[in-house]
Amino acid sequence: MFKHYNMNQVVLPLDLEIKLDKDDMAFVVNDLVEQIPEEAFASFSRDTG
Protein backbone atom coordinates (compact mmCIF):
# COMPACT_ATOMS: atom_id res chain seq x y z
CA MET A 1 0.00 0.00 0.00
CA PHE A 2 1.19 3.52 -0.76
CA LYS A 3 2.54 5.25 2.31
CA HIS A 4 2.07 9.00 2.32
CA TYR A 5 5.23 10.96 3.01
CA ASN A 6 6.15 14.58 3.26
CA MET A 7 9.73 15.45 2.40
CA ASN A 8 9.41 18.68 4.37
CA GLN A 9 8.44 17.03 7.65
CA VAL A 10 10.93 17.02 10.48
CA VAL A 11 11.49 13.48 11.74
CA LEU A 12 15.00 13.89 13.05
CA PRO A 13 16.16 16.38 15.64
CA LEU A 14 17.86 18.46 12.97
CA ASP A 15 16.43 19.80 9.76
CA LEU A 16 18.30 18.13 6.89
CA GLU A 17 17.19 20.81 4.42
CA ILE A 18 19.61 23.20 6.11
CA LYS A 19 22.51 20.96 5.08
CA LEU A 20 21.42 20.58 1.44
CA ASP A 21 22.25 23.27 -1.07
CA LYS A 22 19.23 24.72 -2.85
CA ASP A 23 20.49 23.27 -6.16
CA ASP A 24 21.07 19.78 -4.72
CA MET A 25 20.08 16.81 -6.89
CA ALA A 26 17.75 15.58 -4.12
CA PHE A 27 15.34 18.42 -4.83
CA VAL A 28 15.32 17.63 -8.57
CA VAL A 29 14.55 13.97 -7.86
CA ASN A 30 11.81 14.95 -5.43
CA ASP A 31 10.24 17.28 -8.00
CA LEU A 32 10.32 14.53 -10.65
CA VAL A 33 8.73 11.97 -8.34
CA GLU A 34 6.04 14.44 -7.29
CA GLN A 35 5.11 14.98 -10.96
CA ILE A 36 4.22 11.30 -11.47
CA PRO A 37 0.42 11.08 -11.56
CA GLU A 38 -1.08 8.91 -8.82
CA GLU A 39 -2.90 6.87 -11.48
CA ALA A 40 0.49 5.48 -12.51
CA PHE A 41 0.59 3.56 -9.23
CA ALA A 42 -2.95 2.15 -9.51
CA SER A 43 -1.76 -1.24 -10.78
CA PHE A 44 0.31 -1.68 -7.59
CA SER A 45 -2.64 -1.04 -5.29
CA ARG A 46 -3.90 -4.03 -3.29
CA ASP A 47 -6.86 -4.46 -0.97
CA THR A 48 -5.05 -7.00 1.16
CA GLY A 49 -1.65 -6.99 2.79
C-alpha atoms as a PDB file:
ATOM      1  CA  MET A   1       0.000   0.000   0.000  1.00  0.00           C
ATOM      2  CA  PHE A   2       1.186   3.518  -0.765  1.00  0.00           C
ATOM      3  CA  LYS A   3       2.540   5.250   2.308  1.00  0.00           C
ATOM      4  CA  HIS A   4       2.071   8.998   2.324  1.00  0.00           C
ATOM      5  CA  TYR A   5       5.232  10.962   3.013  1.00  0.00           C
ATOM      6  CA  ASN A   6       6.147  14.584   3.257  1.00  0.00           C
ATOM      7  CA  MET A   7       9.735  15.453   2.403  1.00  0.00           C
ATOM      8  CA  ASN A   8       9.414  18.677   4.373  1.00  0.00           C
ATOM      9  CA  GLN A   9       8.442  17.035   7.651  1.00  0.00           C
ATOM     10  CA  VAL A  10      10.927  17.017  10.479  1.00  0.00           C
ATOM     11  CA  VAL A  11      11.491  13.482  11.745  1.00  0.00           C
ATOM     12  CA  LEU A  12      14.996  13.889  13.045  1.00  0.00           C
ATOM     13  CA  PRO A  13      16.164  16.385  15.641  1.00  0.00           C
ATOM     14  CA  LEU A  14      17.859  18.464  12.968  1.00  0.00           C
ATOM     15  CA  ASP A  15      16.427  19.800   9.759  1.00  0.00           C
ATOM     16  CA  LEU A  16      18.301  18.128   6.887  1.00  0.00           C
ATOM     17  CA  GLU A  17      17.189  20.810   4.423  1.00  0.00           C
ATOM     18  CA  ILE A  18      19.612  23.197   6.105  1.00  0.00           C
ATOM     19  CA  LYS A  19      22.513  20.959   5.080  1.00  0.00           C
ATOM     20  CA  LEU A  20      21.415  20.582   1.444  1.00  0.00           C
ATOM     21  CA  ASP A  21      22.254  23.269  -1.073  1.00  0.00           C
ATOM     22  CA  LYS A  22      19.227  24.721  -2.850  1.00  0.00           C
ATOM     23  CA  ASP A  23      20.488  23.266  -6.157  1.00  0.00           C
ATOM     24  CA  ASP A  24      21.074  19.779  -4.716  1.00  0.00           C
ATOM     25  CA  MET A  25      20.081  16.812  -6.892  1.00  0.00           C
ATOM     26  CA  ALA A  26      17.748  15.576  -4.120  1.00  0.00           C
ATOM     27  CA  PHE A  27      15.337  18.424  -4.833  1.00  0.00           C
ATOM     28  CA  VAL A  28      15.323  17.631  -8.567  1.00  0.00           C
ATOM     29  CA  VAL A  29      14.553  13.970  -7.864  1.00  0.00           C
ATOM     30  CA  ASN A  30      11.810  14.954  -5.429  1.00  0.00           C
ATOM     31  CA  ASP A  31      10.235  17.277  -8.005  1.00  0.00           C
ATOM     32  CA  LEU A  32      10.320  14.528 -10.650  1.00  0.00           C
ATOM     33  CA  VAL A  33       8.729  11.975  -8.338  1.00  0.00           C
ATOM     34  CA  GLU A  34       6.036  14.437  -7.286  1.00  0.00           C
ATOM     35  CA  GLN A  35       5.106  14.978 -10.959  1.00  0.00           C
ATOM     36  CA  ILE A  36       4.221  11.303 -11.471  1.00  0.00           C
ATOM     37  CA  PRO A  37       0.422  11.079 -11.559  1.00  0.00           C
ATOM     38  CA  GLU A  38      -1.085   8.914  -8.817  1.00  0.00           C
ATOM     39  CA  GLU A  39      -2.896   6.875 -11.482  1.00  0.00           C
ATOM     40  CA  ALA A  40       0.491   5.483 -12.508  1.00  0.00           C
ATOM     41  CA  PHE A  41       0.594   3.560  -9.226  1.00  0.00           C
ATOM     42  CA  ALA A  42      -2.951   2.150  -9.508  1.00  0.00           C
ATOM     43  CA  SER A  43      -1.756  -1.245 -10.781  1.00  0.00           C
ATOM     44  CA  PHE A  44       0.307  -1.676  -7.591  1.00  0.00           C
ATOM     45  CA  SER A  45      -2.639  -1.043  -5.294  1.00  0.00           C
ATOM     46  CA  ARG A  46      -3.900  -4.035  -3.293  1.00  0.00           C
ATOM     47  CA  ASP A  47      -6.865  -4.463  -0.973  1.00  0.00           C
ATOM     48  CA  THR A  48      -5.051  -7.000   1.160  1.00  0.00           C
ATOM     49  CA  GLY A  49      -1.649  -6.994   2.786  1.00  0.00           C
END
